[in-house]
Structure formats: C-alpha cells, structure tokens
Amino acid sequence: MAGHDNINGSTEKSSSSMDDLPTFNAENMQNNMKVILYSRTFMAIIGGVIAGILGLTSLTGFIFYFLVMAITSAALTAKAKFSIHSYFDSWNRLVLDGFFGGLMSFVLFWTFAYDIVHIF
C-alpha cells in the first residue's frame, strides 16, 4: 500500500497550521482503493465457494459473508500496520468501502458451489 507524501519532509518545522495537514497523493489513494476492491471481491468469491461447499443456507450463509468481510477488514488494517490514516483519508474507506459490493459475487459463487456439491 502506498502512503501519503510529506512535502515539507519529516525534519522541517512549519510555522502555519496549513502546512501541518497531511497531503495525500491522489494516485496512491486510487491504488489503495483498488487494493481494497480487489481484496474484497476475491474474498467474497472464495467465501461464496466455501459457504456453498459447507452447505450453508439462508441466514447462516449471509452471516458467513459478513464474517468473511469483517476478517478481510481486519486483515487490511493489519496490512496497513494499524496506521489507517497513513494510507487512507478516513477509516471508513478501509472498513466499509466495498463491504456490500462483493455481495453479488458471493451469492453467485455460493449458489454455484452449493448446486455442484449438494444437488448434482
């Protein structure tokens, strides 16, 4: 993951409060958001296949999805070394973005794997 850029350097002291604000590189922010999107989509697909193979149905399957997404959020936070504001402008970006985006992929692979293993 790419961090933010500090224009003034870490050793220089600034006199105005505007210079103390962290500056984010837009390209790095986009790259970080792509990493989150790809990670969540991949984990939704893997989670859907696992839920289908385990034979989870109804509410237990959706609870499993939310559990997988919570684990993914924790793993991404650990990947950022628990310093979320160094890589993202807010914690919502890491924890909540793409949370429901992978739901359709999860349901698709969940039903596909369930049909292959338990019906056919």
PDB file of N, CA and C in Angstrom:
ATOM      1  N   MET A   1       0.840  -1.163   0.000  1.00  0.00           N
ATOM      2  CA  MET A   1       0.000   0.000   0.000  1.00  0.00           C
ATOM      3  C   MET A   1       0.886   1.226   0.000  1.00  0.00           C
ATOM      4  N   ALA A   2       0.426   2.237  -0.664  1.00  0.00           N
ATOM      5  CA  ALA A   2       1.200   3.457  -0.779  1.00  0.00           C
ATOM      6  C   ALA A   2       0.755   4.456   0.266  1.00  0.00           C
ATOM      7  N   GLY A   3       1.702   5.104   0.910  1.00  0.00           N
ATOM      8  CA  GLY A   3       1.400   6.063   1.964  1.00  0.00           C
ATOM      9  C   GLY A   3       1.249   7.466   1.424  1.00  0.00           C
ATOM     10  N   HIS A   4       1.047   8.427   2.334  1.00  0.00           N
ATOM     11  CA  HIS A   4       0.906   9.807   1.916  1.00  0.00           C
ATOM     12  C   HIS A   4       2.262  10.461   1.789  1.00  0.00           C
ATOM     13  N   ASP A   5       2.293  11.535   1.005  1.00  0.00           N
ATOM     14  CA  ASP A   5       3.536  12.266   0.790  1.00  0.00           C
ATOM     15  C   ASP A   5       3.618  13.441   1.750  1.00  0.00           C
ATOM     16  N   ASN A   6       4.767  13.643   2.308  1.00  0.00           N
ATOM     17  CA  ASN A   6       5.004  14.790   3.163  1.00  0.00           C
ATOM     18  C   ASN A   6       5.907  15.734   2.394  1.00  0.00           C
ATOM     19  N   ILE A   7       5.341  16.823   1.930  1.00  0.00           N
ATOM     20  CA  ILE A   7       6.086  17.752   1.080  1.00  0.00           C
ATOM     21  C   ILE A   7       7.215  18.421   1.852  1.00  0.00           C
ATOM     22  N   ASN A   8       6.983  18.763   3.091  1.00  0.00           N
ATOM     23  CA  ASN A   8       7.967  19.513   3.875  1.00  0.00           C
ATOM     24  C   ASN A   8       9.092  18.642   4.405  1.00  0.00           C
ATOM     25  N   GLY A   9       8.958  17.366   4.366  1.00  0.00           N
ATOM     26  CA  GLY A   9       9.967  16.487   4.950  1.00  0.00           C
ATOM     27  C   GLY A   9       9.678  16.273   6.422  1.00  0.00           C
ATOM     28  N   SER A  10      10.265  15.272   6.985  1.00  0.00           N
ATOM     29  CA  SER A  10       9.952  14.935   8.373  1.00  0.00           C
ATOM     30  C   SER A  10      10.755  15.755   9.373  1.00  0.00           C
ATOM     31  N   THR A  11      11.837  16.405   8.949  1.00  0.00           N
ATOM     32  CA  THR A  11      12.677  17.116   9.904  1.00  0.00           C
ATOM     33  C   THR A  11      12.369  18.607   9.957  1.00  0.00           C
ATOM     34  N   GLU A  12      11.661  19.148   8.983  1.00  0.00           N
ATOM     35  CA  GLU A  12      11.390  20.571   8.960  1.00  0.00           C
ATOM     36  C   GLU A  12      10.196  20.908   9.836  1.00  0.00           C
ATOM     37  N   LYS A  13      10.239  22.021  10.506  1.00  0.00           N
ATOM     38  CA  LYS A  13       9.137  22.525  11.311  1.00  0.00           C
ATOM     39  C   LYS A  13       8.463  23.649  10.539  1.00  0.00           C
ATOM     40  N   SER A  14       7.137  23.648  10.523  1.00  0.00           N
ATOM     41  CA  SER A  14       6.414  24.701   9.820  1.00  0.00           C
ATOM     42  C   SER A  14       5.760  25.632  10.823  1.00  0.00           C
ATOM     43  N   SER A  15       5.569  26.878  10.424  1.00  0.00           N
ATOM     44  CA  SER A  15       5.001  27.847  11.336  1.00  0.00           C
ATOM     45  C   SER A  15       3.493  27.955  11.204  1.00  0.00           C
ATOM     46  N   SER A  16       2.938  27.639  10.059  1.00  0.00           N
ATOM     47  CA  SER A  16       1.488  27.762   9.901  1.00  0.00           C
ATOM     48  C   SER A  16       0.818  26.411  10.067  1.00  0.00           C
ATOM     49  N   SER A  17      -0.444  26.451  10.456  1.00  0.00           N
ATOM     50  CA  SER A  17      -1.173  25.210  10.683  1.00  0.00           C
ATOM     51  C   SER A  17      -1.558  24.531   9.374  1.00  0.00           C
ATOM     52  N   MET A  18      -1.612  25.256   8.287  1.00  0.00           N
ATOM     53  CA  MET A  18      -1.950  24.666   6.989  1.00  0.00           C
ATOM     54  C   MET A  18      -0.861  23.709   6.512  1.00  0.00           C
ATOM     55  N   ASP A  19       0.372  23.956   6.864  1.00  0.00           N
ATOM     56  CA  ASP A  19       1.467  23.083   6.453  1.00  0.00           C
ATOM     57  C   ASP A  19       1.505  21.792   7.263  1.00  0.00           C
ATOM     58  N   ASP A  20       0.823  21.764   8.400  1.00  0.00           N
ATOM     59  CA  ASP A  20       0.808  20.584   9.247  1.00  0.00           C
ATOM     60  C   ASP A  20      -0.185  19.532   8.778  1.00  0.00           C
ATOM     61  N   LEU A  21      -1.079  19.901   7.883  1.00  0.00           N
ATOM     62  CA  LEU A  21      -2.054  18.938   7.379  1.00  0.00           C
ATOM     63  C   LEU A  21      -1.364  17.920   6.485  1.00  0.00           C
ATOM     64  N   PRO A  22      -1.713  16.657   6.620  1.00  0.00           N
ATOM     65  CA  PRO A  22      -1.096  15.655   5.744  1.00  0.00           C
ATOM     66  C   PRO A  22      -1.606  15.814   4.312  1.00  0.00           C
ATOM     67  N   THR A  23      -0.727  15.628   3.380  1.00  0.00           N
ATOM     68  CA  THR A  23      -1.114  15.686   1.971  1.00  0.00           C
ATOM     69  C   THR A  23      -1.117  14.271   1.424  1.00  0.00           C
ATOM     70  N   PHE A  24      -2.133  13.982   0.652  1.00  0.00           N
ATOM     71  CA  PHE A  24      -2.281  12.652   0.076  1.00  0.00           C
ATOM     72  C   PHE A  24      -2.045  12.714  -1.410  1.00  0.00           C
ATOM     73  N   ASN A  25      -1.346  11.746  -1.906  1.00  0.00           N
ATOM     74  CA  ASN A  25      -1.132  11.615  -3.334  1.00  0.00           C
ATOM     75  C   ASN A  25      -2.355  10.913  -3.917  1.00  0.00           C
ATOM     76  N   ALA A  26      -3.024  11.547  -4.880  1.00  0.00           N
ATOM     77  CA  ALA A  26      -4.261  11.008  -5.447  1.00  0.00           C
ATOM     78  C   ALA A  26      -4.027   9.655  -6.116  1.00  0.00           C
ATOM     79  N   GLU A  27      -2.894   9.505  -6.756  1.00  0.00           N
ATOM     80  CA  GLU A  27      -2.580   8.238  -7.417  1.00  0.00           C
ATOM     81  C   GLU A  27      -2.424   7.103  -6.400  1.00  0.00           C
ATOM     82  N   ASN A  28      -1.762   7.399  -5.294  1.00  0.00           N
ATOM     83  CA  ASN A  28      -1.612   6.393  -4.236  1.00  0.00           C
ATOM     84  C   ASN A  28      -2.953   6.048  -3.608  1.00  0.00           C
ATOM     85  N   MET A  29      -3.806   7.051  -3.416  1.00  0.00           N
ATOM     86  CA  MET A  29      -5.139   6.797  -2.850  1.00  0.00           C
ATOM     87  C   MET A  29      -5.958   5.902  -3.777  1.00  0.00           C
ATOM     88  N   GLN A  30      -5.907   6.155  -5.080  1.00  0.00           N
ATOM     89  CA  GLN A  30      -6.623   5.311  -6.034  1.00  0.00           C
ATOM     90  C   GLN A  30      -6.087   3.895  -6.015  1.00  0.00           C
ATOM     91  N   ASN A  31      -4.785   3.743  -5.935  1.00  0.00           N
ATOM     92  CA  ASN A  31      -4.180   2.421  -5.874  1.00  0.00           C
ATOM     93  C   ASN A  31      -4.623   1.683  -4.610  1.00  0.00           C
ATOM     94  N   ASN A  32      -4.667   2.385  -3.482  1.00  0.00           N
ATOM     95  CA  ASN A  32      -5.103   1.764  -2.231  1.00  0.00           C
ATOM     96  C   ASN A  32      -6.559   1.335  -2.312  1.00  0.00           C
ATOM     97  N   MET A  33      -7.399   2.144  -2.958  1.00  0.00           N
ATOM     98  CA  MET A  33      -8.805   1.782  -3.092  1.00  0.00           C
ATOM     99  C   MET A  33      -8.969   0.577  -4.028  1.00  0.00           C
ATOM    100  N   LYS A  34      -8.133   0.480  -5.048  1.00  0.00           N
ATOM    101  CA  LYS A  34      -8.165  -0.696  -5.936  1.00  0.00           C
ATOM    102  C   LYS A  34      -7.792  -1.961  -5.169  1.00  0.00           C
ATOM    103  N   VAL A  35      -6.799  -1.842  -4.305  1.00  0.00           N
ATOM    104  CA  VAL A  35      -6.388  -2.987  -3.496  1.00  0.00           C
ATOM    105  C   VAL A  35      -7.542  -3.454  -2.616  1.00  0.00           C
ATOM    106  N   ILE A  36      -8.243  -2.514  -2.015  1.00  0.00           N
ATOM    107  CA  ILE A  36      -9.397  -2.877  -1.177  1.00  0.00           C
ATOM    108  C   ILE A  36     -10.475  -3.542  -2.014  1.00  0.00           C
ATOM    109  N   LEU A  37     -10.793  -2.966  -3.160  1.00  0.00           N
ATOM    110  CA  LEU A  37     -11.841  -3.520  -4.018  1.00  0.00           C
ATOM    111  C   LEU A  37     -11.487  -4.926  -4.479  1.00  0.00           C
ATOM    112  N   TYR A  38     -10.267  -5.129  -4.945  1.00  0.00           N
ATOM    113  CA  TYR A  38      -9.847  -6.452  -5.423  1.00  0.00           C
ATOM    114  C   TYR A  38      -9.809  -7.466  -4.271  1.00  0.00           C
ATOM    115  N   SER A  39      -9.336  -7.048  -3.122  1.00  0.00           N
ATOM    116  CA  SER A  39      -9.272  -7.960  -1.971  1.00  0.00           C
ATOM    117  C   SER A  39     -10.657  -8.385  -1.527  1.00  0.00           C
ATOM    118  N   ARG A  40     -11.565  -7.444  -1.447  1.00  0.00           N
ATOM    119  CA  ARG A  40     -12.931  -7.775  -1.025  1.00  0.00           C
ATOM    120  C   ARG A  40     -13.643  -8.646  -2.055  1.00  0.00           C
ATOM    121  N   THR A  41     -13.458  -8.360  -3.339  1.00  0.00           N
ATOM    122  CA  THR A  41     -14.089  -9.180  -4.373  1.00  0.00           C
ATOM    123  C   THR A  41     -13.538 -10.594  -4.344  1.00  0.00           C
ATOM    124  N   PHE A  42     -12.229 -10.732  -4.226  1.00  0.00           N
ATOM    125  CA  PHE A  42     -11.603 -12.045  -4.161  1.00  0.00           C
ATOM    126  C   PHE A  42     -12.087 -12.821  -2.943  1.00  0.00           C
ATOM    127  N   MET A  43     -12.140 -12.168  -1.798  1.00  0.00           N
ATOM    128  CA  MET A  43     -12.590 -12.841  -0.583  1.00  0.00           C
ATOM    129  C   MET A  43     -14.071 -13.182  -0.640  1.00  0.00           C
ATOM    130  N   ALA A  44     -14.870 -12.359  -1.332  1.00  0.00           N
ATOM    131  CA  ALA A  44     -16.291 -12.675  -1.499  1.00  0.00           C
ATOM    132  C   ALA A  44     -16.457 -13.925  -2.351  1.00  0.00           C
ATOM    133  N   ILE A  45     -15.661 -14.054  -3.404  1.00  0.00           N
ATOM    134  CA  ILE A  45     -15.725 -15.245  -4.268  1.00  0.00           C
ATOM    135  C   ILE A  45     -15.287 -16.485  -3.496  1.00  0.00           C
ATOM    136  N   ILE A  46     -14.158 -16.394  -2.815  1.00  0.00           N
ATOM    137  CA  ILE A  46     -13.666 -17.528  -2.026  1.00  0.00           C
ATOM    138  C   ILE A  46     -14.655 -17.881  -0.917  1.00  0.00           C
ATOM    139  N   GLY A  47     -15.195 -16.872  -0.242  1.00  0.00           N
ATOM    140  CA  GLY A  47     -16.176 -17.111   0.811  1.00  0.00           C
ATOM    141  C   GLY A  47     -17.444 -17.749   0.271  1.00  0.00           C
ATOM    142  N   GLY A  48     -17.876 -17.340  -0.915  1.00  0.00           N
ATOM    143  CA  GLY A  48     -19.056 -17.941  -1.524  1.00  0.00           C
ATOM    144  C   GLY A  48     -18.847 -19.403  -1.853  1.00  0.00           C
ATOM    145  N   VAL A  49     -17.687 -19.729  -2.371  1.00  0.00           N
ATOM    146  CA  VAL A  49     -17.381 -21.132  -2.682  1.00  0.00           C
ATOM    147  C   VAL A  49     -17.332 -21.958  -1.402  1.00  0.00           C
ATOM    148  N   ILE A  50     -16.704 -21.432  -0.369  1.00  0.00           N
ATOM    149  CA  ILE A  50     -16.628 -22.158   0.903  1.00  0.00           C
ATOM    150  C   ILE A  50     -18.018 -22.340   1.505  1.00  0.00           C
ATOM    151  N   ALA A  51     -18.842 -21.284   1.457  1.00  0.00           N
ATOM    152  CA  ALA A  51     -20.203 -21.384   2.000  1.00  0.00           C
ATOM    153  C   ALA A  51     -21.017 -22.414   1.227  1.00  0.00           C
ATOM    154  N   GLY A  52     -20.832 -22.478  -0.081  1.00  0.00           N
ATOM    155  CA  GLY A  52     -21.545 -23.468  -0.883  1.00  0.00           C
ATOM    156  C   GLY A  52     -21.092 -24.879  -0.593  1.00  0.00           C
ATOM    157  N   ILE A  53     -19.795 -25.060  -0.453  1.00  0.00           N
ATOM    158  CA  ILE A  53     -19.264 -26.397  -0.157  1.00  0.00           C
ATOM    159  C   ILE A  53     -19.706 -26.860   1.230  1.00  0.00           C
ATOM    160  N   LEU A  54     -19.735 -25.935   2.198  1.00  0.00           N
ATOM    161  CA  LEU A  54     -20.168 -26.285   3.551  1.00  0.00           C
ATOM    162  C   LEU A  54     -21.674 -26.521   3.638  1.00  0.00           C
ATOM    163  N   GLY A  55     -22.402 -26.113   2.612  1.00  0.00           N
ATOM    164  CA  GLY A  55     -23.847 -26.316   2.605  1.00  0.00           C
ATOM    165  C   GLY A  55     -24.616 -25.307   3.433  1.00  0.00           C
ATOM    166  N   LEU A  56     -24.047 -24.132   3.608  1.00  0.00           N
ATOM    167  CA  LEU A  56     -24.739 -23.095   4.366  1.00  0.00           C
ATOM    168  C   LEU A  56     -25.934 -22.592   3.559  1.00  0.00           C
ATOM    169  N   THR A  57     -27.046 -22.394   4.232  1.00  0.00           N
ATOM    170  CA  THR A  57     -28.245 -21.908   3.566  1.00  0.00           C
ATOM    171  C   THR A  57     -28.838 -20.764   4.357  1.00  0.00           C
ATOM    172  N   SER A  58     -29.624 -19.967   3.679  1.00  0.00           N
ATOM    173  CA  SER A  58     -30.423 -18.913   4.278  1.00  0.00           C
ATOM    174  C   SER A  58     -29.567 -17.920   5.061  1.00  0.00           C
ATOM    175  N   LEU A  59     -29.967 -17.655   6.280  1.00  0.00           N
ATOM    176  CA  LEU A  59     -29.333 -16.621   7.089  1.00  0.00           C
ATOM    177  C   LEU A  59     -27.893 -16.979   7.468  1.00  0.00           C
ATOM    178  N   THR A  60     -27.596 -18.243   7.640  1.00  0.00           N
ATOM    179  CA  THR A  60     -26.231 -18.632   8.023  1.00  0.00           C
ATOM    180  C   THR A  60     -25.225 -18.294   6.923  1.00  0.00           C
ATOM    181  N   GLY A  61     -25.656 -18.378   5.668  1.00  0.00           N
ATOM    182  CA  GLY A  61     -24.777 -18.006   4.570  1.00  0.00           C
ATOM    183  C   GLY A  61     -24.457 -16.525   4.570  1.00  0.00           C
ATOM    184  N   PHE A  62     -25.460 -15.687   4.829  1.00  0.00           N
ATOM    185  CA  PHE A  62     -25.217 -14.252   4.878  1.00  0.00           C
ATOM    186  C   PHE A  62     -24.406 -13.851   6.102  1.00  0.00           C
ATOM    187  N   ILE A  63     -24.627 -14.522   7.203  1.00  0.00           N
ATOM    188  CA  ILE A  63     -23.793 -14.271   8.393  1.00  0.00           C
ATOM    189  C   ILE A  63     -22.345 -14.636   8.091  1.00  0.00           C
ATOM    190  N   PHE A  64     -22.148 -15.723   7.350  1.00  0.00           N
ATOM    191  CA  PHE A  64     -20.804 -16.118   6.946  1.00  0.00           C
ATOM    192  C   PHE A  64     -20.163 -15.048   6.067  1.00  0.00           C
ATOM    193  N   TYR A  65     -20.961 -14.442   5.172  1.00  0.00           N
ATOM    194  CA  TYR A  65     -20.439 -13.359   4.318  1.00  0.00           C
ATOM    195  C   TYR A  65     -19.962 -12.188   5.174  1.00  0.00           C
ATOM    196  N   PHE A  66     -20.772 -11.770   6.135  1.00  0.00           N
ATOM    197  CA  PHE A  66     -20.377 -10.646   6.977  1.00  0.00           C
ATOM    198  C   PHE A  66     -19.164 -10.993   7.836  1.00  0.00           C
ATOM    199  N   LEU A  67     -19.044 -12.236   8.239  1.00  0.00           N
ATOM    200  CA  LEU A  67     -17.869 -12.684   8.973  1.00  0.00           C
ATOM    201  C   LEU A  67     -16.619 -12.624   8.089  1.00  0.00           C
ATOM    202  N   VAL A  68     -16.739 -13.065   6.844  1.00  0.00           N
ATOM    203  CA  VAL A  68     -15.612 -13.011   5.906  1.00  0.00           C
ATOM    204  C   VAL A  68     -15.201 -11.566   5.650  1.00  0.00           C
ATOM    205  N   MET A  69     -16.171 -10.671   5.491  1.00  0.00           N
ATOM    206  CA  MET A  69     -15.847  -9.262   5.243  1.00  0.00           C
ATOM    207  C   MET A  69     -15.221  -8.610   6.475  1.00  0.00           C
ATOM    208  N   ALA A  70     -15.642  -9.013   7.667  1.00  0.00           N
ATOM    209  CA  ALA A  70     -15.022  -8.484   8.890  1.00  0.00           C
ATOM    210  C   ALA A  70     -13.574  -8.955   9.006  1.00  0.00           C
ATOM    211  N   ILE A  71     -13.334 -10.210   8.666  1.00  0.00           N
ATOM    212  CA  ILE A  71     -11.965 -10.738   8.688  1.00  0.00           C
ATOM    213  C   ILE A  71     -11.112 -10.033   7.636  1.00  0.00           C
ATOM    214  N   THR A  72     -11.707  -9.761   6.478  1.00  0.00           N
ATOM    215  CA  THR A  72     -10.982  -9.040   5.427  1.00  0.00           C
ATOM    216  C   THR A  72     -10.631  -7.634   5.887  1.00  0.00           C
ATOM    217  N   SER A  73     -11.562  -6.956   6.544  1.00  0.00           N
ATOM    218  CA  SER A  73     -11.276  -5.614   7.071  1.00  0.00           C
ATOM    219  C   SER A  73     -10.152  -5.655   8.093  1.00  0.00           C
ATOM    220  N   ALA A  74     -10.176  -6.649   8.964  1.00  0.00           N
ATOM    221  CA  ALA A  74      -9.112  -6.780   9.963  1.00  0.00           C
ATOM    222  C   ALA A  74      -7.770  -7.077   9.299  1.00  0.00           C
ATOM    223  N   ALA A  75      -7.776  -7.904   8.265  1.00  0.00           N
ATOM    224  CA  ALA A  75      -6.529  -8.220   7.564  1.00  0.00           C
ATOM    225  C   ALA A  75      -5.984  -6.995   6.829  1.00  0.00           C
ATOM    226  N   LEU A  76      -6.861  -6.207   6.225  1.00  0.00           N
ATOM    227  CA  LEU A  76      -6.402  -4.998   5.542  1.00  0.00           C
ATOM    228  C   LEU A  76      -5.874  -3.964   6.538  1.00  0.00           C
ATOM    229  N   THR A  77      -6.490  -3.897   7.705  1.00  0.00           N
ATOM    230  CA  THR A  77      -5.999  -2.997   8.744  1.00  0.00           C
ATOM    231  C   THR A  77      -4.622  -3.451   9.233  1.00  0.00           C
ATOM    232  N   ALA A  78      -4.446  -4.752   9.384  1.00  0.00           N
ATOM    233  CA  ALA A  78      -3.140  -5.280   9.790  1.00  0.00           C
ATOM    234  C   ALA A  78      -2.108  -5.040   8.693  1.00  0.00           C
ATOM    235  N   LYS A  79      -2.522  -5.157   7.430  1.00  0.00           N
ATOM    236  CA  LYS A  79      -1.612  -4.898   6.309  1.00  0.00           C
ATOM    237  C   LYS A  79      -1.146  -3.445   6.319  1.00  0.00           C
ATOM    238  N   ALA A  80      -2.035  -2.538   6.748  1.00  0.00           N
ATOM    239  CA  ALA A  80      -1.678  -1.123   6.859  1.00  0.00           C
ATOM    240  C   ALA A  80      -0.951  -0.818   8.165  1.00  0.00           C
ATOM    241  N   LYS A  81      -0.591  -1.871   8.893  1.00  0.00           N
ATOM    242  CA  LYS A  81       0.139  -1.761  10.163  1.00  0.00           C
ATOM    243  C   LYS A  81      -0.624  -0.914  11.172  1.00  0.00           C
ATOM    244  N   PHE A  82      -1.957  -1.015  11.149  1.00  0.00           N
ATOM    245  CA  PHE A  82      -2.859  -0.333  12.076  1.00  0.00           C
ATOM    246  C   PHE A  82      -2.687   1.179  12.048  1.00  0.00           C
ATOM    247  N   SER A  83      -2.107   1.686  10.981  1.00  0.00           N
ATOM    248  CA  SER A  83      -1.948   3.127  10.778  1.00  0.00           C
ATOM    249  C   SER A  83      -2.805   3.520   9.584  1.00  0.00           C
ATOM    250  N   ILE A  84      -4.098   3.540   9.799  1.00  0.00           N
ATOM    251  CA  ILE A  84      -5.055   3.741   8.711  1.00  0.00           C
ATOM    252  C   ILE A  84      -4.898   5.112   8.069  1.00  0.00           C
ATOM    253  N   HIS A  85      -4.656   6.133   8.864  1.00  0.00           N
ATOM    254  CA  HIS A  85      -4.593   7.490   8.330  1.00  0.00           C
ATOM    255  C   HIS A  85      -3.321   7.756   7.522  1.00  0.00           C
ATOM    256  N   SER A  86      -2.386   6.845   7.516  1.00  0.00           N
ATOM    257  CA  SER A  86      -1.211   6.994   6.661  1.00  0.00           C
ATOM    258  C   SER A  86      -1.504   6.581   5.230  1.00  0.00           C
ATOM    259  N   TYR A  87      -2.536   5.762   5.035  1.00  0.00           N
ATOM    260  CA  TYR A  87      -2.834   5.231   3.719  1.00  0.00           C
ATOM    261  C   TYR A  87      -4.198   5.646   3.179  1.00  0.00           C
ATOM    262  N   PHE A  88      -5.098   6.077   4.057  1.00  0.00           N
ATOM    263  CA  PHE A  88      -6.453   6.445   3.657  1.00  0.00           C
ATOM    264  C   PHE A  88      -6.839   7.736   4.359  1.00  0.00           C
ATOM    265  N   ASP A  89      -7.797   8.455   3.774  1.00  0.00           N
ATOM    266  CA  ASP A  89      -8.197   9.712   4.384  1.00  0.00           C
ATOM    267  C   ASP A  89      -9.135   9.517   5.567  1.00  0.00           C
ATOM    268  N   SER A  90      -9.821   8.372   5.649  1.00  0.00           N
ATOM    269  CA  SER A  90     -10.643   8.073   6.817  1.00  0.00           C
ATOM    270  C   SER A  90     -10.724   6.561   7.004  1.00  0.00           C
ATOM    271  N   TRP A  91     -11.095   6.139   8.197  1.00  0.00           N
ATOM    272  CA  TRP A  91     -11.183   4.707   8.480  1.00  0.00           C
ATOM    273  C   TRP A  91     -12.342   4.074   7.738  1.00  0.00           C
ATOM    274  N   ASN A  92     -13.355   4.875   7.350  1.00  0.00           N
ATOM    275  CA  ASN A  92     -14.487   4.335   6.593  1.00  0.00           C
ATOM    276  C   ASN A  92     -14.044   3.722   5.271  1.00  0.00           C
ATOM    277  N   ARG A  93     -13.030   4.285   4.674  1.00  0.00           N
ATOM    278  CA  ARG A  93     -12.530   3.762   3.393  1.00  0.00           C
ATOM    279  C   ARG A  93     -12.061   2.326   3.538  1.00  0.00           C
ATOM    280  N   LEU A  94     -11.372   2.050   4.604  1.00  0.00           N
ATOM    281  CA  LEU A  94     -10.812   0.716   4.809  1.00  0.00           C
ATOM    282  C   LEU A  94     -11.850  -0.278   5.317  1.00  0.00           C
ATOM    283  N   VAL A  95     -12.683   0.156   6.223  1.00  0.00           N
ATOM    284  CA  VAL A  95     -13.600  -0.768   6.879  1.00  0.00           C
ATOM    285  C   VAL A  95     -14.878  -0.992   6.083  1.00  0.00           C
ATOM    286  N   LEU A  96     -15.438   0.056   5.490  1.00  0.00           N
ATOM    287  CA  LEU A  96     -16.763  -0.059   4.904  1.00  0.00           C
ATOM    288  C   LEU A  96     -16.820  -0.053   3.381  1.00  0.00           C
ATOM    289  N   ASP A  97     -15.856   0.537   2.701  1.00  0.00           N
ATOM    290  CA  ASP A  97     -15.918   0.592   1.237  1.00  0.00           C
ATOM    291  C   ASP A  97     -15.844  -0.799   0.634  1.00  0.00           C
ATOM    292  N   GLY A  98     -16.772  -1.092  -0.221  1.00  0.00           N
ATOM    293  CA  GLY A  98     -16.808  -2.393  -0.875  1.00  0.00           C
ATOM    294  C   GLY A  98     -17.387  -3.496  -0.027  1.00  0.00           C
ATOM    295  N   PHE A  99     -17.934  -3.147   1.144  1.00  0.00           N
ATOM    296  CA  PHE A  99     -18.471  -4.163   2.037  1.00  0.00           C
ATOM    297  C   PHE A  99     -19.653  -4.880   1.387  1.00  0.00           C
ATOM    298  N   PHE A 100     -20.535  -4.114   0.759  1.00  0.00           N
ATOM    299  CA  PHE A 100     -21.685  -4.717   0.094  1.00  0.00           C
ATOM    300  C   PHE A 100     -21.432  -4.934  -1.396  1.00  0.00           C
ATOM    301  N   GLY A 101     -20.328  -4.425  -1.909  1.00  0.00           N
ATOM    302  CA  GLY A 101     -20.009  -4.580  -3.319  1.00  0.00           C
ATOM    303  C   GLY A 101     -19.753  -6.013  -3.731  1.00  0.00           C
ATOM    304  N   GLY A 102     -19.219  -6.807  -2.852  1.00  0.00           N
ATOM    305  CA  GLY A 102     -18.927  -8.201  -3.163  1.00  0.00           C
ATOM    306  C   GLY A 102     -20.078  -9.145  -2.871  1.00  0.00           C
ATOM    307  N   LEU A 103     -21.204  -8.598  -2.437  1.00  0.00           N
ATOM    308  CA  LEU A 103     -22.333  -9.446  -2.062  1.00  0.00           C
ATOM    309  C   LEU A 103     -22.882 -10.223  -3.253  1.00  0.00           C
ATOM    310  N   MET A 104     -22.969  -9.590  -4.401  1.00  0.00           N
ATOM    311  CA  MET A 104     -23.478 -10.286  -5.589  1.00  0.00           C
ATOM    312  C   MET A 104     -22.533 -11.410  -6.021  1.00  0.00           C
ATOM    313  N   SER A 105     -21.238 -11.150  -5.972  1.00  0.00           N
ATOM    314  CA  SER A 105     -20.269 -12.196  -6.311  1.00  0.00           C
ATOM    315  C   SER A 105     -20.351 -13.344  -5.313  1.00  0.00           C
ATOM    316  N   PHE A 106     -20.514 -13.006  -4.035  1.00  0.00           N
ATOM    317  CA  PHE A 106     -20.648 -14.024  -3.004  1.00  0.00           C
ATOM    318  C   PHE A 106     -21.855 -14.910  -3.276  1.00  0.00           C
ATOM    319  N   VAL A 107     -23.008 -14.312  -3.538  1.00  0.00           N
ATOM    320  CA  VAL A 107     -24.231 -15.076  -3.768  1.00  0.00           C
ATOM    321  C   VAL A 107     -24.103 -15.935  -5.028  1.00  0.00           C
ATOM    322  N   LEU A 108     -23.497 -15.392  -6.075  1.00  0.00           N
ATOM    323  CA  LEU A 108     -23.311 -16.146  -7.314  1.00  0.00           C
ATOM    324  C   LEU A 108     -22.480 -17.407  -7.074  1.00  0.00           C
ATOM    325  N   PHE A 109     -21.329 -17.255  -6.447  1.00  0.00           N
ATOM    326  CA  PHE A 109     -20.455 -18.408  -6.226  1.00  0.00           C
ATOM    327  C   PHE A 109     -20.972 -19.314  -5.117  1.00  0.00           C
ATOM    328  N   TRP A 110     -21.700 -18.765  -4.179  1.00  0.00           N
ATOM    329  CA  TRP A 110     -22.325 -19.555  -3.121  1.00  0.00           C
ATOM    330  C   TRP A 110     -23.340 -20.520  -3.716  1.00  0.00           C
ATOM    331  N   THR A 111     -24.240 -19.998  -4.550  1.00  0.00           N
ATOM    332  CA  THR A 111     -25.257 -20.860  -5.160  1.00  0.00           C
ATOM    333  C   THR A 111     -24.641 -21.826  -6.162  1.00  0.00           C
ATOM    334  N   PHE A 112     -23.632 -21.376  -6.889  1.00  0.00           N
ATOM    335  CA  PHE A 112     -22.957 -22.242  -7.866  1.00  0.00           C
ATOM    336  C   PHE A 112     -22.295 -23.429  -7.173  1.00  0.00           C
ATOM    337  N   ALA A 113     -21.527 -23.152  -6.123  1.00  0.00           N
ATOM    338  CA  ALA A 113     -20.836 -24.241  -5.411  1.00  0.00           C
ATOM    339  C   ALA A 113     -21.834 -25.141  -4.689  1.00  0.00           C
ATOM    340  N   TYR A 114     -22.882 -24.557  -4.138  1.00  0.00           N
ATOM    341  CA  TYR A 114     -23.898 -25.365  -3.442  1.00  0.00           C
ATOM    342  C   TYR A 114     -24.587 -26.306  -4.432  1.00  0.00           C
ATOM    343  N   ASP A 115     -24.920 -25.803  -5.612  1.00  0.00           N
ATOM    344  CA  ASP A 115     -25.573 -26.631  -6.626  1.00  0.00           C
ATOM    345  C   ASP A 115     -24.676 -27.769  -7.082  1.00  0.00           C
ATOM    346  N   ILE A 116     -23.408 -27.487  -7.304  1.00  0.00           N
ATOM    347  CA  ILE A 116     -22.487 -28.508  -7.783  1.00  0.00           C
ATOM    348  C   ILE A 116     -22.269 -29.598  -6.732  1.00  0.00           C
ATOM    349  N   VAL A 117     -22.096 -29.207  -5.491  1.00  0.00           N
ATOM    350  CA  VAL A 117     -21.760 -30.166  -4.437  1.00  0.00           C
ATOM    351  C   VAL A 117     -22.974 -30.893  -3.905  1.00  0.00           C
ATOM    352  N   HIS A 118     -24.074 -30.195  -3.681  1.00  0.00           N
ATOM    353  CA  HIS A 118     -25.195 -30.795  -2.967  1.00  0.00           C
ATOM    354  C   HIS A 118     -26.385 -31.191  -3.840  1.00  0.00           C
ATOM    355  N   ILE A 119     -26.489 -30.678  -5.046  1.00  0.00           N
ATOM    356  CA  ILE A 119     -27.648 -31.001  -5.878  1.00  0.00           C
ATOM    357  C   ILE A 119     -27.276 -31.970  -6.996  1.00  0.00           C
ATOM    358  N   PHE A 120     -26.186 -31.705  -7.687  1.00  0.00           N
ATOM    359  CA  PHE A 120     -25.834 -32.557  -8.830  1.00  0.00           C
ATOM    360  C   PHE A 120     -25.092 -33.772  -8.404  1.00  0.00           C
TER     361      PHE A 120
END
